[in-house]
Amino acid sequence: MTYSATITSKRQLTIPIMLYKQLKLEKTRKVIVSVENGIIKIQPALNFVNQVAGSFEMPDKYKNMDIDKIIKTAKESYFKEKFKNKLS
């Protein structure tokens, strides 16, 4: 199905209500916007995450860890590296 939409002077695009409902979007939900062959594609971010799930190999240091522990460890490592010179 094809719908018409308008881009505002602030570069905002209103998604037609039928598409909004069909995609089960919410007001503050993130979406992925991409361009393929000159066509703008918009998809819910969670759908994109589900599509690429399993596409990347898990680093050895994270194998056999639950997801919460992986996230915590990755954040600690990132911020330790980012601020290592500022803490001395």
PDB file of N, CA and C in Angstrom:
ATOM      1  N   MET A   1       0.839  -1.171   0.000  1.00  0.00           N
ATOM      2  CA  MET A   1       0.000   0.000   0.000  1.00  0.00           C
ATOM      3  C   MET A   1       0.890   1.242   0.000  1.00  0.00           C
ATOM      4  N   THR A   2       0.529   2.236  -0.727  1.00  0.00           N
ATOM      5  CA  THR A   2       1.298   3.470  -0.830  1.00  0.00           C
ATOM      6  C   THR A   2       0.516   4.615  -0.211  1.00  0.00           C
ATOM      7  N   TYR A   3       1.206   5.447   0.554  1.00  0.00           N
ATOM      8  CA  TYR A   3       0.591   6.591   1.214  1.00  0.00           C
ATOM      9  C   TYR A   3       1.356   7.852   0.858  1.00  0.00           C
ATOM     10  N   SER A   4       0.711   8.974   1.006  1.00  0.00           N
ATOM     11  CA  SER A   4       1.328  10.277   0.780  1.00  0.00           C
ATOM     12  C   SER A   4       1.669  10.886   2.134  1.00  0.00           C
ATOM     13  N   ALA A   5       2.782  11.586   2.214  1.00  0.00           N
ATOM     14  CA  ALA A   5       3.195  12.257   3.451  1.00  0.00           C
ATOM     15  C   ALA A   5       3.897  13.554   3.074  1.00  0.00           C
ATOM     16  N   THR A   6       4.019  14.454   4.045  1.00  0.00           N
ATOM     17  CA  THR A   6       4.646  15.753   3.813  1.00  0.00           C
ATOM     18  C   THR A   6       5.866  15.903   4.707  1.00  0.00           C
ATOM     19  N   ILE A   7       6.923  16.461   4.163  1.00  0.00           N
ATOM     20  CA  ILE A   7       8.110  16.791   4.947  1.00  0.00           C
ATOM     21  C   ILE A   7       7.981  18.261   5.330  1.00  0.00           C
ATOM     22  N   THR A   8       8.098  18.558   6.637  1.00  0.00           N
ATOM     23  CA  THR A   8       7.938  19.929   7.117  1.00  0.00           C
ATOM     24  C   THR A   8       9.210  20.735   6.903  1.00  0.00           C
ATOM     25  N   SER A   9       9.132  22.026   7.201  1.00  0.00           N
ATOM     26  CA  SER A   9      10.302  22.901   7.082  1.00  0.00           C
ATOM     27  C   SER A   9      11.401  22.503   8.067  1.00  0.00           C
ATOM     28  N   LYS A  10      11.039  21.716   9.087  1.00  0.00           N
ATOM     29  CA  LYS A  10      12.026  21.223  10.060  1.00  0.00           C
ATOM     30  C   LYS A  10      12.533  19.823   9.683  1.00  0.00           C
ATOM     31  N   ARG A  11      12.269  19.400   8.444  1.00  0.00           N
ATOM     32  CA  ARG A  11      12.691  18.098   7.920  1.00  0.00           C
ATOM     33  C   ARG A  11      12.015  16.933   8.640  1.00  0.00           C
ATOM     34  N   GLN A  12      10.851  17.166   9.225  1.00  0.00           N
ATOM     35  CA  GLN A  12      10.113  16.109   9.907  1.00  0.00           C
ATOM     36  C   GLN A  12       9.105  15.484   8.957  1.00  0.00           C
ATOM     37  N   LEU A  13       8.935  14.190   9.093  1.00  0.00           N
ATOM     38  CA  LEU A  13       8.009  13.445   8.257  1.00  0.00           C
ATOM     39  C   LEU A  13       6.965  12.804   9.159  1.00  0.00           C
ATOM     40  N   THR A  14       5.698  13.026   8.875  1.00  0.00           N
ATOM     41  CA  THR A  14       4.634  12.393   9.640  1.00  0.00           C
ATOM     42  C   THR A  14       4.300  11.061   8.984  1.00  0.00           C
ATOM     43  N   ILE A  15       4.363  10.004   9.771  1.00  0.00           N
ATOM     44  CA  ILE A  15       4.051   8.672   9.260  1.00  0.00           C
ATOM     45  C   ILE A  15       2.532   8.512   9.241  1.00  0.00           C
ATOM     46  N   PRO A  16       1.955   8.139   8.115  1.00  0.00           N
ATOM     47  CA  PRO A  16       0.506   7.946   8.050  1.00  0.00           C
ATOM     48  C   PRO A  16       0.028   6.965   9.128  1.00  0.00           C
ATOM     49  N   ILE A  17      -1.111   7.259   9.728  1.00  0.00           N
ATOM     50  CA  ILE A  17      -1.617   6.498  10.869  1.00  0.00           C
ATOM     51  C   ILE A  17      -1.746   5.006  10.579  1.00  0.00           C
ATOM     52  N   MET A  18      -2.130   4.633   9.371  1.00  0.00           N
ATOM     53  CA  MET A  18      -2.274   3.207   9.049  1.00  0.00           C
ATOM     54  C   MET A  18      -0.924   2.485   9.124  1.00  0.00           C
ATOM     55  N   LEU A  19       0.133   3.125   8.640  1.00  0.00           N
ATOM     56  CA  LEU A  19       1.470   2.527   8.732  1.00  0.00           C
ATOM     57  C   LEU A  19       1.954   2.513  10.174  1.00  0.00           C
ATOM     58  N   TYR A  20       1.686   3.582  10.879  1.00  0.00           N
ATOM     59  CA  TYR A  20       2.067   3.710  12.289  1.00  0.00           C
ATOM     60  C   TYR A  20       1.471   2.553  13.094  1.00  0.00           C
ATOM     61  N   LYS A  21       0.197   2.282  12.871  1.00  0.00           N
ATOM     62  CA  LYS A  21      -0.476   1.188  13.585  1.00  0.00           C
ATOM     63  C   LYS A  21       0.019  -0.168  13.107  1.00  0.00           C
ATOM     64  N   GLN A  22       0.200  -0.309  11.804  1.00  0.00           N
ATOM     65  CA  GLN A  22       0.654  -1.580  11.236  1.00  0.00           C
ATOM     66  C   GLN A  22       2.016  -1.978  11.797  1.00  0.00           C
ATOM     67  N   LEU A  23       2.910  -0.995  11.961  1.00  0.00           N
ATOM     68  CA  LEU A  23       4.248  -1.271  12.487  1.00  0.00           C
ATOM     69  C   LEU A  23       4.291  -1.299  14.010  1.00  0.00           C
ATOM     70  N   LYS A  24       3.136  -0.992  14.638  1.00  0.00           N
ATOM     71  CA  LYS A  24       3.035  -0.974  16.105  1.00  0.00           C
ATOM     72  C   LYS A  24       4.059  -0.018  16.709  1.00  0.00           C
ATOM     73  N   LEU A  25       4.168   1.154  16.102  1.00  0.00           N
ATOM     74  CA  LEU A  25       5.095   2.166  16.600  1.00  0.00           C
ATOM     75  C   LEU A  25       4.499   2.862  17.814  1.00  0.00           C
ATOM     76  N   GLU A  26       5.356   3.471  18.604  1.00  0.00           N
ATOM     77  CA  GLU A  26       4.943   4.269  19.750  1.00  0.00           C
ATOM     78  C   GLU A  26       5.626   5.615  19.627  1.00  0.00           C
ATOM     79  N   LYS A  27       5.126   6.617  20.346  1.00  0.00           N
ATOM     80  CA  LYS A  27       5.610   7.992  20.190  1.00  0.00           C
ATOM     81  C   LYS A  27       7.114   8.152  20.352  1.00  0.00           C
ATOM     82  N   THR A  28       7.723   7.486  21.297  1.00  0.00           N
ATOM     83  CA  THR A  28       9.161   7.684  21.520  1.00  0.00           C
ATOM     84  C   THR A  28       9.998   6.497  21.042  1.00  0.00           C
ATOM     85  N   ARG A  29       9.413   5.600  20.301  1.00  0.00           N
ATOM     86  CA  ARG A  29      10.118   4.409  19.837  1.00  0.00           C
ATOM     87  C   ARG A  29      11.145   4.768  18.766  1.00  0.00           C
ATOM     88  N   LYS A  30      12.281   4.113  18.805  1.00  0.00           N
ATOM     89  CA  LYS A  30      13.338   4.336  17.822  1.00  0.00           C
ATOM     90  C   LYS A  30      13.054   3.547  16.549  1.00  0.00           C
ATOM     91  N   VAL A  31      13.476   4.106  15.435  1.00  0.00           N
ATOM     92  CA  VAL A  31      13.362   3.430  14.145  1.00  0.00           C
ATOM     93  C   VAL A  31      14.713   3.494  13.444  1.00  0.00           C
ATOM     94  N   ILE A  32      14.908   2.607  12.510  1.00  0.00           N
ATOM     95  CA  ILE A  32      16.102   2.602  11.672  1.00  0.00           C
ATOM     96  C   ILE A  32      15.693   3.185  10.326  1.00  0.00           C
ATOM     97  N   VAL A  33      16.429   4.191   9.862  1.00  0.00           N
ATOM     98  CA  VAL A  33      16.159   4.822   8.571  1.00  0.00           C
ATOM     99  C   VAL A  33      17.345   4.520   7.664  1.00  0.00           C
ATOM    100  N   SER A  34      17.062   3.968   6.501  1.00  0.00           N
ATOM    101  CA  SER A  34      18.135   3.639   5.567  1.00  0.00           C
ATOM    102  C   SER A  34      17.687   3.975   4.144  1.00  0.00           C
ATOM    103  N   VAL A  35      18.648   4.004   3.241  1.00  0.00           N
ATOM    104  CA  VAL A  35      18.357   4.273   1.831  1.00  0.00           C
ATOM    105  C   VAL A  35      18.878   3.104   1.013  1.00  0.00           C
ATOM    106  N   GLU A  36      18.009   2.547   0.178  1.00  0.00           N
ATOM    107  CA  GLU A  36      18.400   1.459  -0.717  1.00  0.00           C
ATOM    108  C   GLU A  36      17.905   1.785  -2.118  1.00  0.00           C
ATOM    109  N   ASN A  37      18.826   1.920  -3.042  1.00  0.00           N
ATOM    110  CA  ASN A  37      18.481   2.242  -4.438  1.00  0.00           C
ATOM    111  C   ASN A  37      17.610   3.489  -4.530  1.00  0.00           C
ATOM    112  N   GLY A  38      17.942   4.509  -3.734  1.00  0.00           N
ATOM    113  CA  GLY A  38      17.209   5.768  -3.775  1.00  0.00           C
ATOM    114  C   GLY A  38      15.872   5.753  -3.060  1.00  0.00           C
ATOM    115  N   ILE A  39      15.558   4.675  -2.351  1.00  0.00           N
ATOM    116  CA  ILE A  39      14.294   4.552  -1.622  1.00  0.00           C
ATOM    117  C   ILE A  39      14.578   4.600  -0.128  1.00  0.00           C
ATOM    118  N   ILE A  40      13.873   5.478   0.584  1.00  0.00           N
ATOM    119  CA  ILE A  40      14.025   5.580   2.036  1.00  0.00           C
ATOM    120  C   ILE A  40      13.239   4.448   2.685  1.00  0.00           C
ATOM    121  N   LYS A  41      13.905   3.695   3.553  1.00  0.00           N
ATOM    122  CA  LYS A  41      13.258   2.615   4.299  1.00  0.00           C
ATOM    123  C   LYS A  41      13.227   2.990   5.776  1.00  0.00           C
ATOM    124  N   ILE A  42      12.102   2.780   6.421  1.00  0.00           N
ATOM    125  CA  ILE A  42      11.958   3.018   7.855  1.00  0.00           C
ATOM    126  C   ILE A  42      11.449   1.721   8.465  1.00  0.00           C
ATOM    127  N   GLN A  43      12.141   1.235   9.496  1.00  0.00           N
ATOM    128  CA  GLN A  43      11.676   0.032  10.172  1.00  0.00           C
ATOM    129  C   GLN A  43      11.897   0.176  11.665  1.00  0.00           C
ATOM    130  N   PRO A  44      11.053  -0.455  12.470  1.00  0.00           N
ATOM    131  CA  PRO A  44      11.245  -0.395  13.918  1.00  0.00           C
ATOM    132  C   PRO A  44      12.638  -0.915  14.274  1.00  0.00           C
ATOM    133  N   ALA A  45      13.304  -0.249  15.193  1.00  0.00           N
ATOM    134  CA  ALA A  45      14.670  -0.635  15.565  1.00  0.00           C
ATOM    135  C   ALA A  45      14.726  -2.060  16.084  1.00  0.00           C
ATOM    136  N   LEU A  46      13.722  -2.478  16.833  1.00  0.00           N
ATOM    137  CA  LEU A  46      13.723  -3.833  17.373  1.00  0.00           C
ATOM    138  C   LEU A  46      13.698  -4.866  16.256  1.00  0.00           C
ATOM    139  N   ASN A  47      12.950  -4.612  15.184  1.00  0.00           N
ATOM    140  CA  ASN A  47      12.945  -5.531  14.043  1.00  0.00           C
ATOM    141  C   ASN A  47      14.342  -5.671  13.461  1.00  0.00           C
ATOM    142  N   PHE A  48      15.063  -4.554  13.356  1.00  0.00           N
ATOM    143  CA  PHE A  48      16.420  -4.566  12.821  1.00  0.00           C
ATOM    144  C   PHE A  48      17.335  -5.393  13.724  1.00  0.00           C
ATOM    145  N   VAL A  49      17.217  -5.190  15.029  1.00  0.00           N
ATOM    146  CA  VAL A  49      18.035  -5.951  15.985  1.00  0.00           C
ATOM    147  C   VAL A  49      17.752  -7.440  15.830  1.00  0.00           C
ATOM    148  N   ASN A  50      16.486  -7.796  15.705  1.00  0.00           N
ATOM    149  CA  ASN A  50      16.132  -9.205  15.534  1.00  0.00           C
ATOM    150  C   ASN A  50      16.669  -9.772  14.224  1.00  0.00           C
ATOM    151  N   GLN A  51      16.715  -8.953  13.176  1.00  0.00           N
ATOM    152  CA  GLN A  51      17.225  -9.415  11.881  1.00  0.00           C
ATOM    153  C   GLN A  51      18.716  -9.721  11.934  1.00  0.00           C
ATOM    154  N   VAL A  52      19.475  -8.919  12.669  1.00  0.00           N
ATOM    155  CA  VAL A  52      20.925  -9.119  12.703  1.00  0.00           C
ATOM    156  C   VAL A  52      21.372 -10.005  13.864  1.00  0.00           C
ATOM    157  N   ALA A  53      20.437 -10.375  14.724  1.00  0.00           N
ATOM    158  CA  ALA A  53      20.786 -11.238  15.858  1.00  0.00           C
ATOM    159  C   ALA A  53      21.427 -12.521  15.336  1.00  0.00           C
ATOM    160  N   GLY A  54      22.544 -12.875  15.913  1.00  0.00           N
ATOM    161  CA  GLY A  54      23.244 -14.069  15.492  1.00  0.00           C
ATOM    162  C   GLY A  54      24.166 -13.857  14.303  1.00  0.00           C
ATOM    163  N   SER A  55      24.194 -12.651  13.753  1.00  0.00           N
ATOM    164  CA  SER A  55      25.042 -12.366  12.595  1.00  0.00           C
ATOM    165  C   SER A  55      26.481 -12.069  12.987  1.00  0.00           C
ATOM    166  N   PHE A  56      26.691 -11.769  14.246  1.00  0.00           N
ATOM    167  CA  PHE A  56      28.019 -11.389  14.720  1.00  0.00           C
ATOM    168  C   PHE A  56      28.538 -12.453  15.673  1.00  0.00           C
ATOM    169  N   GLU A  57      29.826 -12.718  15.562  1.00  0.00           N
ATOM    170  CA  GLU A  57      30.424 -13.708  16.444  1.00  0.00           C
ATOM    171  C   GLU A  57      30.687 -13.085  17.808  1.00  0.00           C
ATOM    172  N   MET A  58      30.347 -13.813  18.853  1.00  0.00           N
ATOM    173  CA  MET A  58      30.539 -13.356  20.225  1.00  0.00           C
ATOM    174  C   MET A  58      32.028 -13.419  20.570  1.00  0.00           C
ATOM    175  N   PRO A  59      32.619 -12.302  21.051  1.00  0.00           N
ATOM    176  CA  PRO A  59      34.019 -12.346  21.479  1.00  0.00           C
ATOM    177  C   PRO A  59      34.195 -13.382  22.599  1.00  0.00           C
ATOM    178  N   ASP A  60      35.332 -14.046  22.611  1.00  0.00           N
ATOM    179  CA  ASP A  60      35.584 -15.097  23.600  1.00  0.00           C
ATOM    180  C   ASP A  60      35.374 -14.627  25.031  1.00  0.00           C
ATOM    181  N   LYS A  61      35.760 -13.374  25.320  1.00  0.00           N
ATOM    182  CA  LYS A  61      35.652 -12.896  26.703  1.00  0.00           C
ATOM    183  C   LYS A  61      34.203 -12.797  27.179  1.00  0.00           C
ATOM    184  N   TYR A  62      33.232 -12.807  26.255  1.00  0.00           N
ATOM    185  CA  TYR A  62      31.817 -12.715  26.632  1.00  0.00           C
ATOM    186  C   TYR A  62      31.076 -14.050  26.537  1.00  0.00           C
ATOM    187  N   LYS A  63      31.731 -15.069  26.015  1.00  0.00           N
ATOM    188  CA  LYS A  63      31.059 -16.365  25.879  1.00  0.00           C
ATOM    189  C   LYS A  63      30.721 -16.919  27.261  1.00  0.00           C
ATOM    190  N   ASN A  64      29.592 -17.584  27.340  1.00  0.00           N
ATOM    191  CA  ASN A  64      29.073 -18.190  28.573  1.00  0.00           C
ATOM    192  C   ASN A  64      28.665 -17.169  29.625  1.00  0.00           C
ATOM    193  N   MET A  65      28.472 -15.898  29.241  1.00  0.00           N
ATOM    194  CA  MET A  65      27.962 -14.860  30.149  1.00  0.00           C
ATOM    195  C   MET A  65      26.520 -14.582  29.783  1.00  0.00           C
ATOM    196  N   ASP A  66      25.702 -14.240  30.780  1.00  0.00           N
ATOM    197  CA  ASP A  66      24.342 -13.828  30.440  1.00  0.00           C
ATOM    198  C   ASP A  66      24.386 -12.387  29.924  1.00  0.00           C
ATOM    199  N   ILE A  67      23.337 -11.974  29.231  1.00  0.00           N
ATOM    200  CA  ILE A  67      23.331 -10.687  28.531  1.00  0.00           C
ATOM    201  C   ILE A  67      23.515  -9.506  29.480  1.00  0.00           C
ATOM    202  N   ASP A  68      22.939  -9.559  30.679  1.00  0.00           N
ATOM    203  CA  ASP A  68      23.096  -8.454  31.628  1.00  0.00           C
ATOM    204  C   ASP A  68      24.554  -8.294  32.052  1.00  0.00           C
ATOM    205  N   LYS A  69      25.233  -9.403  32.257  1.00  0.00           N
ATOM    206  CA  LYS A  69      26.650  -9.365  32.633  1.00  0.00           C
ATOM    207  C   LYS A  69      27.496  -8.851  31.462  1.00  0.00           C
ATOM    208  N   ILE A  70      27.159  -9.243  30.251  1.00  0.00           N
ATOM    209  CA  ILE A  70      27.881  -8.765  29.066  1.00  0.00           C
ATOM    210  C   ILE A  70      27.756  -7.254  28.950  1.00  0.00           C
ATOM    211  N   ILE A  71      26.543  -6.740  29.103  1.00  0.00           N
ATOM    212  CA  ILE A  71      26.310  -5.296  28.999  1.00  0.00           C
ATOM    213  C   ILE A  71      27.076  -4.555  30.080  1.00  0.00           C
ATOM    214  N   LYS A  72      27.005  -5.040  31.317  1.00  0.00           N
ATOM    215  CA  LYS A  72      27.709  -4.391  32.434  1.00  0.00           C
ATOM    216  C   LYS A  72      29.216  -4.377  32.189  1.00  0.00           C
ATOM    217  N   THR A  73      29.761  -5.506  31.795  1.00  0.00           N
ATOM    218  CA  THR A  73      31.200  -5.619  31.549  1.00  0.00           C
ATOM    219  C   THR A  73      31.637  -4.717  30.392  1.00  0.00           C
ATOM    220  N   ALA A  74      30.859  -4.698  29.322  1.00  0.00           N
ATOM    221  CA  ALA A  74      31.195  -3.867  28.163  1.00  0.00           C
ATOM    222  C   ALA A  74      31.161  -2.385  28.517  1.00  0.00           C
ATOM    223  N   LYS A  75      30.156  -1.966  29.289  1.00  0.00           N
ATOM    224  CA  LYS A  75      30.066  -0.561  29.706  1.00  0.00           C
ATOM    225  C   LYS A  75      31.249  -0.180  30.588  1.00  0.00           C
ATOM    226  N   GLU A  76      31.568  -1.033  31.556  1.00  0.00           N
ATOM    227  CA  GLU A  76      32.699  -0.748  32.446  1.00  0.00           C
ATOM    228  C   GLU A  76      33.988  -0.605  31.651  1.00  0.00           C
ATOM    229  N   SER A  77      34.201  -1.501  30.717  1.00  0.00           N
ATOM    230  CA  SER A  77      35.404  -1.466  29.888  1.00  0.00           C
ATOM    231  C   SER A  77      35.446  -0.198  29.036  1.00  0.00           C
ATOM    232  N   TYR A  78      34.316   0.153  28.432  1.00  0.00           N
ATOM    233  CA  TYR A  78      34.238   1.338  27.576  1.00  0.00           C
ATOM    234  C   TYR A  78      34.548   2.604  28.364  1.00  0.00           C
ATOM    235  N   PHE A  79      33.884   2.783  29.508  1.00  0.00           N
ATOM    236  CA  PHE A  79      34.068   4.015  30.268  1.00  0.00           C
ATOM    237  C   PHE A  79      35.433   4.074  30.949  1.00  0.00           C
ATOM    238  N   LYS A  80      35.967   2.934  31.332  1.00  0.00           N
ATOM    239  CA  LYS A  80      37.316   2.904  31.902  1.00  0.00           C
ATOM    240  C   LYS A  80      38.324   3.398  30.867  1.00  0.00           C
ATOM    241  N   GLU A  81      38.192   2.928  29.638  1.00  0.00           N
ATOM    242  CA  GLU A  81      39.087   3.341  28.555  1.00  0.00           C
ATOM    243  C   GLU A  81      38.867   4.805  28.188  1.00  0.00           C
ATOM    244  N   LYS A  82      37.618   5.219  28.113  1.00  0.00           N
ATOM    245  CA  LYS A  82      37.292   6.581  27.701  1.00  0.00           C
ATOM    246  C   LYS A  82      37.823   7.619  28.679  1.00  0.00           C
ATOM    247  N   PHE A  83      37.758   7.325  29.964  1.00  0.00           N
ATOM    248  CA  PHE A  83      38.127   8.314  30.970  1.00  0.00           C
ATOM    249  C   PHE A  83      39.439   8.006  31.688  1.00  0.00           C
ATOM    250  N   LYS A  84      40.253   7.094  31.165  1.00  0.00           N
ATOM    251  CA  LYS A  84      41.471   6.702  31.873  1.00  0.00           C
ATOM    252  C   LYS A  84      42.435   7.870  32.077  1.00  0.00           C
ATOM    253  N   ASN A  85      42.561   8.768  31.110  1.00  0.00           N
ATOM    254  CA  ASN A  85      43.474   9.906  31.247  1.00  0.00           C
ATOM    255  C   ASN A  85      42.884  11.026  32.091  1.00  0.00           C
ATOM    256  N   LYS A  86      41.578  11.075  32.219  1.00  0.00           N
ATOM    257  CA  LYS A  86      40.925  12.143  32.971  1.00  0.00           C
ATOM    258  C   LYS A  86      40.872  11.850  34.461  1.00  0.00           C
ATOM    259  N   LEU A  87      41.069  10.593  34.842  1.00  0.00           N
ATOM    260  CA  LEU A  87      41.006  10.219  36.251  1.00  0.00           C
ATOM    261  C   LEU A  87      42.353  10.355  36.947  1.00  0.00           C
ATOM    262  N   SER A  88      43.436  10.507  36.189  1.00  0.00           N
ATOM    263  CA  SER A  88      44.762  10.590  36.806  1.00  0.00           C
ATOM    264  C   SER A  88      45.102  11.997  37.213  1.00  0.00           C
TER     265      SER A  88
END
